[in-house]
């Protein structure tokens, strides 16, 4: 088994370096020795704490979840408020535009999760956490909705963002955001339009069901 990563701030440096290398070179280009070099430690020291790049990616997935949760707390997200759903959708949109590197890593992880049991388990944990959050948000946004409807809305929303994330990584949207300039402005506008369009559809469905008493 791997030992725990060093405490902050060195832990943060290791995870940030890992994220940067995955963004630049992809999962296949990640090497523990390059991470060690990036943070100025001996490779043997890093290997003592994490035995493989798969184990390091598991740590990174956990860190990304932690960062997303922290942003929700900073923005005052209330999972039981009727306005929480819209706030959370806007938060994800803004995070995709402001921190595309995190979503690039998630896309890389998704592609390889089926081939690496530990990475797959970390991803399943993340999806379970997001599902729980969305079920709370939809239950608050649509009081009286059935559990089945809440589950359907939650699954559809996660599928939308997961698909958007994979597409934005594949078509260069995240690369444009990372590069900056006019291309980043256009990429940000495209992501904003996609998320706001989805939000409009969701809110329209919620309102229709509310009027019909379904």
N, C-alpha and C. Protein backbone atom coordinates (compact mmCIF):
# COMPACT_ATOMS: atom_id res chain seq x y z
N UNK A 1 0.84 -1.19 0.00
CA UNK A 1 0.00 0.00 0.00
C UNK A 1 0.87 1.25 0.00
N UNK A 2 0.35 2.37 -0.56
CA UNK A 2 1.07 3.62 -0.57
C UNK A 2 0.91 4.33 0.76
N UNK A 3 1.94 5.06 1.15
CA UNK A 3 1.82 5.93 2.31
C UNK A 3 1.04 7.16 1.90
N UNK A 4 0.58 7.91 2.89
CA UNK A 4 -0.17 9.13 2.58
C UNK A 4 0.76 10.17 1.97
N UNK A 5 0.21 11.01 1.11
CA UNK A 5 1.01 12.10 0.56
C UNK A 5 1.41 13.05 1.69
N UNK A 6 2.51 13.78 1.50
CA UNK A 6 2.93 14.74 2.53
C UNK A 6 1.82 15.75 2.81
N UNK A 7 1.90 16.39 3.96
CA UNK A 7 0.90 17.39 4.32
C UNK A 7 1.08 18.65 3.49
N UNK A 8 0.04 19.48 3.46
CA UNK A 8 0.11 20.76 2.76
C UNK A 8 1.23 21.59 3.39
N UNK A 9 1.95 22.46 2.61
CA UNK A 9 1.67 22.77 1.21
C UNK A 9 2.33 21.84 0.20
N UNK A 10 3.24 20.96 0.65
CA UNK A 10 3.92 20.07 -0.30
C UNK A 10 2.93 19.17 -1.02
N UNK A 11 1.91 18.70 -0.32
CA UNK A 11 0.89 17.86 -0.97
C UNK A 11 0.24 18.62 -2.11
N UNK A 12 -0.11 19.89 -1.87
CA UNK A 12 -0.74 20.71 -2.90
C UNK A 12 0.20 20.88 -4.09
N UNK A 13 1.49 21.05 -3.82
CA UNK A 13 2.46 21.20 -4.90
C UNK A 13 2.52 19.95 -5.77
N UNK A 14 2.50 18.78 -5.13
CA UNK A 14 2.54 17.52 -5.86
C UNK A 14 1.30 17.36 -6.73
N UNK A 15 0.15 17.65 -6.17
CA UNK A 15 -1.10 17.49 -6.93
C UNK A 15 -1.19 18.52 -8.05
N UNK A 16 -0.78 19.75 -7.78
CA UNK A 16 -0.80 20.78 -8.83
C UNK A 16 0.14 20.40 -9.97
N UNK A 17 1.32 19.87 -9.63
CA UNK A 17 2.27 19.45 -10.66
C UNK A 17 1.70 18.30 -11.48
N UNK A 18 1.03 17.38 -10.82
CA UNK A 18 0.41 16.25 -11.53
C UNK A 18 -0.65 16.75 -12.50
N UNK A 19 -1.50 17.65 -12.04
CA UNK A 19 -2.55 18.21 -12.90
C UNK A 19 -1.93 18.89 -14.11
N UNK A 20 -0.89 19.69 -13.90
CA UNK A 20 -0.26 20.42 -15.00
C UNK A 20 0.34 19.46 -16.03
N UNK A 21 0.97 18.38 -15.56
CA UNK A 21 1.59 17.42 -16.49
C UNK A 21 0.52 16.67 -17.28
N UNK A 22 -0.56 16.28 -16.61
CA UNK A 22 -1.64 15.58 -17.33
C UNK A 22 -2.26 16.49 -18.38
N UNK A 23 -2.44 17.76 -18.05
CA UNK A 23 -3.00 18.71 -19.02
C UNK A 23 -2.08 18.85 -20.22
N UNK A 24 -0.78 18.89 -19.97
CA UNK A 24 0.18 19.09 -21.05
C UNK A 24 0.41 17.84 -21.88
N UNK A 25 0.50 16.66 -21.21
CA UNK A 25 0.95 15.45 -21.90
C UNK A 25 -0.09 14.33 -21.92
N UNK A 26 -1.19 14.50 -21.19
CA UNK A 26 -2.16 13.43 -21.10
C UNK A 26 -1.77 12.41 -20.05
N UNK A 27 -2.67 11.49 -19.79
CA UNK A 27 -2.43 10.48 -18.76
C UNK A 27 -1.20 9.64 -19.10
N UNK A 28 -1.06 9.28 -20.37
CA UNK A 28 0.06 8.42 -20.76
C UNK A 28 1.40 9.12 -20.60
N UNK A 29 1.40 10.43 -20.62
CA UNK A 29 2.65 11.17 -20.49
C UNK A 29 3.04 11.47 -19.06
N UNK A 30 2.23 11.04 -18.11
CA UNK A 30 2.52 11.30 -16.69
C UNK A 30 3.59 10.33 -16.20
N UNK A 31 4.64 10.89 -15.59
CA UNK A 31 5.71 10.10 -14.99
C UNK A 31 5.98 10.62 -13.59
N UNK A 32 6.13 9.70 -12.64
CA UNK A 32 6.37 10.12 -11.26
C UNK A 32 7.65 10.94 -11.14
N UNK A 33 8.66 10.58 -11.89
CA UNK A 33 9.92 11.32 -11.78
C UNK A 33 9.77 12.77 -12.24
N UNK A 34 8.87 12.98 -13.22
CA UNK A 34 8.64 14.36 -13.68
C UNK A 34 7.89 15.17 -12.62
N UNK A 35 6.97 14.52 -11.92
CA UNK A 35 6.27 15.19 -10.82
C UNK A 35 7.27 15.55 -9.73
N UNK A 36 8.13 14.61 -9.39
CA UNK A 36 9.14 14.86 -8.36
C UNK A 36 10.05 16.02 -8.76
N UNK A 37 10.50 16.03 -10.01
CA UNK A 37 11.35 17.12 -10.49
C UNK A 37 10.63 18.46 -10.40
N UNK A 38 9.34 18.46 -10.73
CA UNK A 38 8.57 19.71 -10.75
C UNK A 38 8.45 20.34 -9.37
N UNK A 39 8.44 19.51 -8.33
CA UNK A 39 8.28 20.05 -6.97
C UNK A 39 9.60 20.05 -6.21
N UNK A 40 10.67 19.60 -6.87
CA UNK A 40 11.98 19.68 -6.26
C UNK A 40 12.26 18.66 -5.17
N UNK A 41 11.75 17.43 -5.36
CA UNK A 41 12.05 16.38 -4.40
C UNK A 41 12.66 15.20 -5.12
N UNK A 42 13.25 14.30 -4.38
CA UNK A 42 13.83 13.10 -4.94
C UNK A 42 12.74 12.15 -5.39
N UNK A 43 12.95 11.47 -6.51
CA UNK A 43 11.95 10.54 -7.02
C UNK A 43 11.63 9.45 -6.01
N UNK A 44 12.66 9.00 -5.29
CA UNK A 44 12.44 7.93 -4.31
C UNK A 44 11.51 8.39 -3.20
N UNK A 45 11.60 9.68 -2.86
CA UNK A 45 10.72 10.22 -1.82
C UNK A 45 9.27 10.18 -2.27
N UNK A 46 9.03 10.57 -3.52
CA UNK A 46 7.66 10.54 -4.04
C UNK A 46 7.15 9.10 -4.15
N UNK A 47 8.00 8.21 -4.61
CA UNK A 47 7.60 6.81 -4.75
C UNK A 47 7.25 6.20 -3.40
N UNK A 48 7.91 6.67 -2.34
CA UNK A 48 7.58 6.18 -1.00
C UNK A 48 6.13 6.51 -0.66
N UNK A 49 5.68 7.68 -1.07
CA UNK A 49 4.34 8.14 -0.73
C UNK A 49 3.29 7.62 -1.70
N UNK A 50 3.65 7.42 -2.96
CA UNK A 50 2.68 6.96 -3.95
C UNK A 50 3.39 6.02 -4.92
N UNK A 51 2.93 4.76 -4.98
CA UNK A 51 3.66 3.72 -5.69
C UNK A 51 3.52 3.78 -7.21
N UNK A 52 2.50 4.40 -7.71
CA UNK A 52 2.26 4.39 -9.15
C UNK A 52 1.53 5.66 -9.57
N UNK A 53 1.54 5.91 -10.87
CA UNK A 53 0.82 7.10 -11.35
C UNK A 53 -0.69 6.91 -11.20
N UNK A 54 -1.15 5.64 -11.24
CA UNK A 54 -2.57 5.40 -11.01
C UNK A 54 -2.97 5.84 -9.61
N UNK A 55 -2.13 5.49 -8.62
CA UNK A 55 -2.41 5.88 -7.24
C UNK A 55 -2.38 7.40 -7.08
N UNK A 56 -1.47 8.04 -7.81
CA UNK A 56 -1.40 9.50 -7.76
C UNK A 56 -2.64 10.13 -8.37
N UNK A 57 -3.14 9.55 -9.46
CA UNK A 57 -4.35 10.08 -10.08
C UNK A 57 -5.55 9.93 -9.14
N UNK A 58 -5.60 8.85 -8.38
CA UNK A 58 -6.68 8.68 -7.40
C UNK A 58 -6.64 9.84 -6.41
N UNK A 59 -5.43 10.21 -5.97
CA UNK A 59 -5.29 11.36 -5.07
C UNK A 59 -5.77 12.65 -5.74
N UNK A 60 -5.46 12.79 -7.01
CA UNK A 60 -5.86 13.99 -7.75
C UNK A 60 -7.37 14.08 -7.87
N UNK A 61 -8.03 12.96 -8.17
CA UNK A 61 -9.50 12.97 -8.26
C UNK A 61 -10.10 13.42 -6.93
N UNK A 62 -9.58 12.89 -5.83
CA UNK A 62 -10.07 13.32 -4.52
C UNK A 62 -9.85 14.80 -4.28
N UNK A 63 -8.71 15.31 -4.74
CA UNK A 63 -8.41 16.73 -4.58
C UNK A 63 -9.37 17.59 -5.39
N UNK A 64 -9.69 17.15 -6.60
CA UNK A 64 -10.62 17.91 -7.44
C UNK A 64 -11.99 17.99 -6.78
N UNK A 65 -12.46 16.87 -6.25
CA UNK A 65 -13.74 16.88 -5.55
C UNK A 65 -13.70 17.86 -4.38
N UNK A 66 -12.61 17.82 -3.63
CA UNK A 66 -12.46 18.73 -2.48
C UNK A 66 -12.51 20.18 -2.91
N UNK A 67 -11.84 20.49 -4.00
CA UNK A 67 -11.82 21.88 -4.49
C UNK A 67 -13.21 22.32 -4.95
N UNK A 68 -13.92 21.44 -5.63
CA UNK A 68 -15.27 21.79 -6.06
C UNK A 68 -16.18 22.05 -4.85
N UNK A 69 -16.06 21.21 -3.84
CA UNK A 69 -16.87 21.39 -2.64
C UNK A 69 -16.54 22.71 -1.95
N UNK A 70 -15.26 23.03 -1.90
CA UNK A 70 -14.84 24.28 -1.25
C UNK A 70 -15.40 25.49 -1.99
N UNK A 71 -15.44 25.42 -3.32
CA UNK A 71 -15.99 26.53 -4.09
C UNK A 71 -17.48 26.69 -3.81
N UNK A 72 -18.17 25.58 -3.64
CA UNK A 72 -19.59 25.65 -3.31
C UNK A 72 -19.81 26.32 -1.97
N UNK A 73 -18.96 25.99 -1.01
CA UNK A 73 -19.06 26.62 0.31
C UNK A 73 -18.77 28.11 0.22
N UNK A 74 -17.74 28.47 -0.55
CA UNK A 74 -17.38 29.88 -0.70
C UNK A 74 -18.53 30.69 -1.31
N UNK A 75 -19.25 30.09 -2.21
CA UNK A 75 -20.34 30.79 -2.90
C UNK A 75 -21.66 30.71 -2.15
N UNK A 76 -21.62 30.08 -0.98
CA UNK A 76 -22.82 30.02 -0.16
C UNK A 76 -23.90 29.11 -0.69
N UNK A 77 -23.50 28.03 -1.35
CA UNK A 77 -24.48 27.11 -1.92
C UNK A 77 -25.28 26.44 -0.81
N UNK A 78 -26.60 26.54 -0.92
CA UNK A 78 -27.51 25.90 0.02
C UNK A 78 -28.24 24.80 -0.74
N UNK A 79 -27.94 23.55 -0.40
CA UNK A 79 -28.51 22.43 -1.14
C UNK A 79 -30.01 22.30 -0.95
N UNK A 80 -30.55 22.93 0.06
CA UNK A 80 -31.98 22.81 0.34
C UNK A 80 -32.76 24.08 0.00
N UNK A 81 -32.12 24.99 -0.75
CA UNK A 81 -32.79 26.21 -1.18
C UNK A 81 -33.33 26.04 -2.60
N UNK A 82 -34.54 26.56 -2.89
CA UNK A 82 -35.08 26.47 -4.25
C UNK A 82 -34.16 27.12 -5.30
N UNK A 83 -33.35 28.09 -4.86
CA UNK A 83 -32.45 28.77 -5.80
C UNK A 83 -31.10 28.05 -5.92
N UNK A 84 -30.91 27.01 -5.13
CA UNK A 84 -29.62 26.33 -5.12
C UNK A 84 -29.27 25.68 -6.44
N UNK A 85 -30.26 25.14 -7.15
CA UNK A 85 -30.00 24.46 -8.41
C UNK A 85 -29.39 25.41 -9.43
N UNK A 86 -30.03 26.56 -9.61
CA UNK A 86 -29.51 27.53 -10.56
C UNK A 86 -28.12 28.01 -10.17
N UNK A 87 -27.91 28.20 -8.87
CA UNK A 87 -26.60 28.64 -8.40
C UNK A 87 -25.53 27.59 -8.70
N UNK A 88 -25.90 26.32 -8.50
CA UNK A 88 -24.91 25.26 -8.71
C UNK A 88 -24.59 25.09 -10.19
N UNK A 89 -25.59 25.16 -11.04
CA UNK A 89 -25.35 25.05 -12.48
C UNK A 89 -24.44 26.18 -12.94
N UNK A 90 -24.69 27.39 -12.44
CA UNK A 90 -23.84 28.52 -12.79
C UNK A 90 -22.42 28.33 -12.26
N UNK A 91 -22.32 27.73 -11.09
CA UNK A 91 -21.00 27.49 -10.50
C UNK A 91 -20.19 26.51 -11.34
N UNK A 92 -20.83 25.44 -11.81
CA UNK A 92 -20.12 24.48 -12.65
C UNK A 92 -19.68 25.16 -13.95
N UNK A 93 -20.57 25.93 -14.53
CA UNK A 93 -20.23 26.67 -15.76
C UNK A 93 -19.02 27.56 -15.54
N UNK A 94 -19.04 28.33 -14.46
CA UNK A 94 -17.93 29.24 -14.18
C UNK A 94 -16.64 28.49 -13.89
N UNK A 95 -16.76 27.34 -13.21
CA UNK A 95 -15.57 26.55 -12.93
C UNK A 95 -14.95 25.99 -14.20
N UNK A 96 -15.79 25.56 -15.14
CA UNK A 96 -15.28 25.03 -16.40
C UNK A 96 -14.49 26.09 -17.16
N UNK A 97 -14.96 27.33 -17.06
CA UNK A 97 -14.31 28.42 -17.78
C UNK A 97 -13.06 28.90 -17.04
N UNK A 98 -13.14 28.96 -15.71
CA UNK A 98 -12.04 29.51 -14.93
C UNK A 98 -10.96 28.48 -14.60
N UNK A 99 -11.33 27.21 -14.49
CA UNK A 99 -10.37 26.17 -14.09
C UNK A 99 -10.46 24.97 -15.04
N UNK A 100 -10.22 25.18 -16.33
CA UNK A 100 -10.37 24.08 -17.30
C UNK A 100 -9.41 22.92 -17.05
N UNK A 101 -8.28 23.19 -16.41
CA UNK A 101 -7.31 22.12 -16.17
C UNK A 101 -7.91 20.98 -15.35
N UNK A 102 -8.74 21.32 -14.37
CA UNK A 102 -9.36 20.29 -13.55
C UNK A 102 -10.27 19.40 -14.37
N UNK A 103 -10.97 19.99 -15.33
CA UNK A 103 -11.90 19.22 -16.16
C UNK A 103 -11.16 18.40 -17.22
N UNK A 104 -10.01 18.90 -17.66
CA UNK A 104 -9.18 18.10 -18.57
C UNK A 104 -8.75 16.82 -17.87
N UNK A 105 -8.33 16.93 -16.62
CA UNK A 105 -7.91 15.75 -15.86
C UNK A 105 -9.08 14.78 -15.70
N UNK A 106 -10.26 15.30 -15.39
CA UNK A 106 -11.42 14.44 -15.25
C UNK A 106 -11.72 13.70 -16.55
N UNK A 107 -11.57 14.38 -17.69
CA UNK A 107 -11.80 13.74 -18.98
C UNK A 107 -10.77 12.64 -19.22
N UNK A 108 -9.52 12.91 -18.89
CA UNK A 108 -8.47 11.90 -19.03
C UNK A 108 -8.77 10.69 -18.14
N UNK A 109 -9.22 10.96 -16.93
CA UNK A 109 -9.54 9.90 -15.98
C UNK A 109 -10.70 9.05 -16.51
N UNK A 110 -11.72 9.71 -17.04
CA UNK A 110 -12.90 8.99 -17.52
C UNK A 110 -12.56 7.99 -18.61
N UNK A 111 -11.64 8.36 -19.48
CA UNK A 111 -11.27 7.49 -20.60
C UNK A 111 -10.60 6.21 -20.10
N UNK A 112 -9.88 6.31 -18.98
CA UNK A 112 -9.08 5.18 -18.50
C UNK A 112 -9.65 4.48 -17.28
N UNK A 113 -10.78 4.96 -16.79
CA UNK A 113 -11.32 4.41 -15.54
C UNK A 113 -11.63 2.92 -15.64
N UNK A 114 -12.07 2.47 -16.80
CA UNK A 114 -12.45 1.07 -16.94
C UNK A 114 -11.25 0.14 -16.95
N UNK A 115 -10.06 0.70 -17.23
CA UNK A 115 -8.86 -0.15 -17.30
C UNK A 115 -8.06 -0.15 -15.99
N UNK A 116 -8.43 0.72 -15.07
CA UNK A 116 -7.70 0.82 -13.80
C UNK A 116 -8.70 0.81 -12.67
N UNK A 117 -8.73 -0.27 -11.90
CA UNK A 117 -9.76 -0.45 -10.88
C UNK A 117 -9.77 0.68 -9.86
N UNK A 118 -8.60 1.09 -9.39
CA UNK A 118 -8.55 2.14 -8.36
C UNK A 118 -9.05 3.47 -8.89
N UNK A 119 -8.68 3.79 -10.13
CA UNK A 119 -9.15 5.03 -10.75
C UNK A 119 -10.66 4.95 -10.97
N UNK A 120 -11.12 3.80 -11.42
CA UNK A 120 -12.56 3.63 -11.61
C UNK A 120 -13.33 3.80 -10.32
N UNK A 121 -12.79 3.27 -9.23
CA UNK A 121 -13.46 3.41 -7.93
C UNK A 121 -13.50 4.86 -7.48
N UNK A 122 -12.41 5.60 -7.72
CA UNK A 122 -12.38 7.02 -7.35
C UNK A 122 -13.39 7.81 -8.17
N UNK A 123 -13.50 7.46 -9.43
CA UNK A 123 -14.47 8.14 -10.28
C UNK A 123 -15.89 7.83 -9.86
N UNK A 124 -16.16 6.58 -9.50
CA UNK A 124 -17.49 6.21 -9.03
C UNK A 124 -17.84 6.96 -7.74
N UNK A 125 -16.85 7.14 -6.88
CA UNK A 125 -17.08 7.89 -5.65
C UNK A 125 -17.45 9.34 -5.97
N UNK A 126 -16.74 9.91 -6.94
CA UNK A 126 -17.05 11.28 -7.34
C UNK A 126 -18.46 11.38 -7.92
N UNK A 127 -18.82 10.44 -8.78
CA UNK A 127 -20.15 10.46 -9.38
C UNK A 127 -21.24 10.27 -8.33
N UNK A 128 -20.98 9.42 -7.34
CA UNK A 128 -21.95 9.22 -6.26
C UNK A 128 -22.14 10.51 -5.47
N UNK A 129 -21.05 11.22 -5.23
CA UNK A 129 -21.13 12.49 -4.50
C UNK A 129 -21.93 13.51 -5.29
N UNK A 130 -21.66 13.62 -6.59
CA UNK A 130 -22.38 14.58 -7.42
C UNK A 130 -23.86 14.21 -7.55
N UNK A 131 -24.14 12.93 -7.62
CA UNK A 131 -25.54 12.48 -7.69
C UNK A 131 -26.28 12.89 -6.43
N UNK A 132 -25.67 12.69 -5.28
CA UNK A 132 -26.29 13.06 -4.01
C UNK A 132 -26.58 14.56 -3.98
N UNK A 133 -25.62 15.36 -4.43
CA UNK A 133 -25.79 16.82 -4.45
C UNK A 133 -26.95 17.21 -5.35
N UNK A 134 -27.00 16.67 -6.55
CA UNK A 134 -28.07 17.05 -7.48
C UNK A 134 -29.44 16.57 -7.01
N UNK A 135 -29.49 15.44 -6.36
CA UNK A 135 -30.79 14.99 -5.84
C UNK A 135 -31.30 15.95 -4.77
N UNK A 136 -30.41 16.43 -3.93
CA UNK A 136 -30.81 17.42 -2.93
C UNK A 136 -31.29 18.71 -3.62
N UNK A 137 -30.56 19.14 -4.62
CA UNK A 137 -30.90 20.39 -5.30
C UNK A 137 -32.23 20.29 -6.05
N UNK A 138 -32.45 19.19 -6.76
CA UNK A 138 -33.70 19.04 -7.50
C UNK A 138 -34.88 18.85 -6.55
N UNK A 139 -34.67 18.17 -5.45
CA UNK A 139 -35.75 18.01 -4.47
C UNK A 139 -36.16 19.37 -3.91
N UNK A 140 -35.19 20.25 -3.72
CA UNK A 140 -35.50 21.60 -3.20
C UNK A 140 -36.13 22.48 -4.28
N UNK A 141 -35.69 22.31 -5.53
CA UNK A 141 -36.22 23.14 -6.62
C UNK A 141 -37.61 22.72 -7.04
N UNK A 142 -37.96 21.45 -6.79
CA UNK A 142 -39.28 20.94 -7.19
C UNK A 142 -39.93 20.21 -6.02
N UNK A 143 -40.39 20.96 -5.02
CA UNK A 143 -41.03 20.33 -3.87
C UNK A 143 -42.22 19.47 -4.32
N UNK A 144 -42.32 18.30 -3.77
CA UNK A 144 -43.43 17.43 -4.13
C UNK A 144 -43.14 16.51 -5.29
N UNK A 145 -42.00 16.71 -5.96
CA UNK A 145 -41.65 15.83 -7.08
C UNK A 145 -41.38 14.42 -6.55
N UNK A 146 -41.67 13.44 -7.39
CA UNK A 146 -41.44 12.07 -6.97
C UNK A 146 -39.94 11.77 -6.91
N UNK A 147 -39.59 10.77 -6.16
CA UNK A 147 -38.18 10.36 -6.06
C UNK A 147 -37.66 9.93 -7.43
N UNK A 148 -38.54 9.31 -8.22
CA UNK A 148 -38.13 8.88 -9.56
C UNK A 148 -37.78 10.06 -10.45
N UNK A 149 -38.61 11.14 -10.37
CA UNK A 149 -38.32 12.32 -11.18
C UNK A 149 -37.03 12.98 -10.73
N UNK A 150 -36.84 13.08 -9.43
CA UNK A 150 -35.62 13.69 -8.90
C UNK A 150 -34.40 12.91 -9.37
N UNK A 151 -34.50 11.58 -9.33
CA UNK A 151 -33.39 10.74 -9.77
C UNK A 151 -33.13 10.92 -11.26
N UNK A 152 -34.20 11.01 -12.06
CA UNK A 152 -34.05 11.17 -13.50
C UNK A 152 -33.39 12.50 -13.83
N UNK A 153 -33.86 13.59 -13.22
CA UNK A 153 -33.26 14.90 -13.45
C UNK A 153 -31.78 14.90 -13.06
N UNK A 154 -31.48 14.28 -11.94
CA UNK A 154 -30.09 14.26 -11.47
C UNK A 154 -29.19 13.50 -12.43
N UNK A 155 -29.66 12.32 -12.87
CA UNK A 155 -28.86 11.52 -13.78
C UNK A 155 -28.68 12.22 -15.12
N UNK A 156 -29.74 12.87 -15.59
CA UNK A 156 -29.66 13.58 -16.87
C UNK A 156 -28.67 14.75 -16.79
N UNK A 157 -28.68 15.44 -15.66
CA UNK A 157 -27.80 16.60 -15.50
C UNK A 157 -26.34 16.17 -15.42
N UNK A 158 -26.07 15.10 -14.69
CA UNK A 158 -24.71 14.60 -14.62
C UNK A 158 -24.25 14.12 -16.00
N UNK A 159 -25.14 13.44 -16.72
CA UNK A 159 -24.80 12.97 -18.07
C UNK A 159 -24.51 14.16 -18.99
N UNK A 160 -25.29 15.24 -18.86
CA UNK A 160 -25.05 16.42 -19.69
C UNK A 160 -23.67 16.99 -19.42
N UNK A 161 -23.34 17.22 -18.16
CA UNK A 161 -22.05 17.83 -17.85
C UNK A 161 -20.89 16.88 -18.17
N UNK A 162 -21.10 15.60 -17.95
CA UNK A 162 -20.04 14.64 -18.28
C UNK A 162 -19.77 14.64 -19.78
N UNK A 163 -20.84 14.64 -20.56
CA UNK A 163 -20.69 14.70 -22.01
C UNK A 163 -20.07 16.00 -22.47
N UNK A 164 -20.49 17.11 -21.88
CA UNK A 164 -19.94 18.41 -22.23
C UNK A 164 -18.45 18.46 -21.89
N UNK A 165 -18.09 17.88 -20.76
CA UNK A 165 -16.69 17.85 -20.35
C UNK A 165 -15.83 17.06 -21.34
N UNK A 166 -16.31 15.88 -21.72
CA UNK A 166 -15.55 15.06 -22.67
C UNK A 166 -15.44 15.75 -24.03
N UNK A 167 -16.53 16.35 -24.47
CA UNK A 167 -16.50 17.03 -25.77
C UNK A 167 -15.57 18.24 -25.75
N UNK A 168 -15.62 19.02 -24.67
CA UNK A 168 -14.79 20.21 -24.58
C UNK A 168 -13.31 19.85 -24.53
N UNK A 169 -13.00 18.68 -23.99
CA UNK A 169 -11.62 18.24 -23.98
C UNK A 169 -11.19 17.75 -25.36
N UNK A 170 -12.10 17.06 -26.04
CA UNK A 170 -11.78 16.47 -27.34
C UNK A 170 -11.72 17.51 -28.46
N UNK A 171 -12.58 18.53 -28.40
CA UNK A 171 -12.66 19.48 -29.52
C UNK A 171 -11.78 20.72 -29.35
N UNK A 172 -10.99 20.77 -28.28
CA UNK A 172 -10.07 21.88 -28.09
C UNK A 172 -10.61 23.05 -27.31
N UNK A 173 -11.82 22.94 -26.78
CA UNK A 173 -12.40 24.05 -26.03
C UNK A 173 -11.57 24.35 -24.78
N UNK A 174 -11.22 23.32 -24.03
CA UNK A 174 -10.42 23.54 -22.83
C UNK A 174 -9.01 24.03 -23.19
N UNK A 175 -8.46 23.51 -24.29
CA UNK A 175 -7.13 23.95 -24.72
C UNK A 175 -7.16 25.45 -25.05
N UNK A 176 -8.26 25.89 -25.66
CA UNK A 176 -8.39 27.31 -25.99
C UNK A 176 -8.48 28.17 -24.74
N UNK A 177 -9.22 27.69 -23.75
CA UNK A 177 -9.32 28.41 -22.49
C UNK A 177 -7.96 28.52 -21.81
N UNK A 178 -7.20 27.46 -21.85
CA UNK A 178 -5.88 27.47 -21.23
C UNK A 178 -4.90 28.36 -21.98
N UNK A 179 -5.10 28.49 -23.30
CA UNK A 179 -4.19 29.30 -24.11
C UNK A 179 -4.43 30.79 -23.94
N UNK A 180 -5.68 31.16 -23.63
CA UNK A 180 -6.01 32.57 -23.46
C UNK A 180 -6.27 33.27 -24.78
N UNK A 181 -6.44 34.57 -24.73
CA UNK A 181 -6.67 35.37 -25.93
C UNK A 181 -8.10 35.27 -26.44
N UNK A 182 -8.26 35.63 -27.70
CA UNK A 182 -9.59 35.66 -28.31
C UNK A 182 -10.22 34.26 -28.37
N UNK A 183 -9.39 33.25 -28.59
CA UNK A 183 -9.94 31.90 -28.66
C UNK A 183 -10.53 31.49 -27.32
N UNK A 184 -9.93 31.95 -26.23
CA UNK A 184 -10.46 31.64 -24.90
C UNK A 184 -11.79 32.33 -24.68
N UNK A 185 -11.93 33.54 -25.18
CA UNK A 185 -13.20 34.27 -25.06
C UNK A 185 -14.30 33.52 -25.79
N UNK A 186 -14.00 33.05 -27.00
CA UNK A 186 -14.99 32.31 -27.78
C UNK A 186 -15.32 30.97 -27.12
N UNK A 187 -14.30 30.30 -26.60
CA UNK A 187 -14.53 29.02 -25.95
C UNK A 187 -15.39 29.19 -24.70
N UNK A 188 -15.10 30.24 -23.92
CA UNK A 188 -15.90 30.51 -22.73
C UNK A 188 -17.34 30.81 -23.08
N UNK A 189 -17.55 31.56 -24.15
CA UNK A 189 -18.90 31.90 -24.58
C UNK A 189 -19.66 30.65 -25.02
N UNK A 190 -18.96 29.72 -25.68
CA UNK A 190 -19.61 28.49 -26.13
C UNK A 190 -20.04 27.63 -24.94
N UNK A 191 -19.18 27.52 -23.93
CA UNK A 191 -19.53 26.75 -22.74
C UNK A 191 -20.68 27.41 -21.99
N UNK A 192 -20.62 28.72 -21.88
CA UNK A 192 -21.68 29.45 -21.19
C UNK A 192 -23.02 29.23 -21.89
N UNK A 193 -23.03 29.30 -23.21
CA UNK A 193 -24.25 29.11 -23.97
C UNK A 193 -24.80 27.70 -23.78
N UNK A 194 -23.91 26.70 -23.80
CA UNK A 194 -24.36 25.31 -23.65
C UNK A 194 -25.00 25.07 -22.30
N UNK A 195 -24.35 25.56 -21.23
CA UNK A 195 -24.87 25.33 -19.89
C UNK A 195 -26.16 26.13 -19.66
N UNK A 196 -26.19 27.37 -20.11
CA UNK A 196 -27.40 28.18 -19.92
C UNK A 196 -28.56 27.61 -20.73
N UNK A 197 -28.27 27.04 -21.90
CA UNK A 197 -29.33 26.41 -22.68
C UNK A 197 -29.88 25.19 -21.96
N UNK A 198 -29.00 24.40 -21.38
CA UNK A 198 -29.46 23.24 -20.62
C UNK A 198 -30.26 23.67 -19.40
N UNK A 199 -29.77 24.68 -18.71
CA UNK A 199 -30.50 25.17 -17.53
C UNK A 199 -31.90 25.64 -17.91
N UNK A 200 -32.03 26.31 -19.03
CA UNK A 200 -33.35 26.78 -19.48
C UNK A 200 -34.29 25.61 -19.72
N UNK A 201 -33.77 24.55 -20.32
CA UNK A 201 -34.60 23.36 -20.55
C UNK A 201 -35.04 22.72 -19.24
N UNK A 202 -34.12 22.63 -18.29
CA UNK A 202 -34.44 22.02 -17.00
C UNK A 202 -35.50 22.85 -16.27
N UNK A 203 -35.30 24.15 -16.21
CA UNK A 203 -36.25 25.00 -15.50
C UNK A 203 -37.62 24.99 -16.17
N UNK A 204 -37.62 24.90 -17.49
CA UNK A 204 -38.90 24.83 -18.22
C UNK A 204 -39.64 23.54 -17.85
N UNK A 205 -38.90 22.45 -17.76
CA UNK A 205 -39.53 21.17 -17.40
C UNK A 205 -40.04 21.20 -15.96
N UNK A 206 -39.25 21.77 -15.06
CA UNK A 206 -39.68 21.88 -13.66
C UNK A 206 -40.96 22.71 -13.55
N UNK A 207 -40.99 23.84 -14.29
CA UNK A 207 -42.16 24.71 -14.24
C UNK A 207 -43.38 24.01 -14.82
N UNK A 208 -43.21 23.27 -15.90
CA UNK A 208 -44.33 22.57 -16.53
C UNK A 208 -44.89 21.52 -15.60
N UNK A 209 -44.02 20.78 -14.93
CA UNK A 209 -44.48 19.74 -14.03
C UNK A 209 -45.17 20.36 -12.81
N UNK A 210 -44.67 21.52 -12.40
CA UNK A 210 -45.27 22.19 -11.25
C UNK A 210 -46.69 22.65 -11.59
N UNK A 211 -46.88 23.18 -12.80
CA UNK A 211 -48.21 23.64 -13.22
C UNK A 211 -49.18 22.50 -13.35
N UNK A 212 -48.67 21.34 -13.81
CA UNK A 212 -49.55 20.21 -14.04
C UNK A 212 -49.79 19.40 -12.76
N UNK A 213 -48.99 19.71 -11.73
CA UNK A 213 -49.13 19.00 -10.47
C UNK A 213 -48.52 17.62 -10.49
N UNK A 214 -47.68 17.36 -11.55
CA UNK A 214 -47.06 16.03 -11.68
C UNK A 214 -45.97 15.84 -10.66
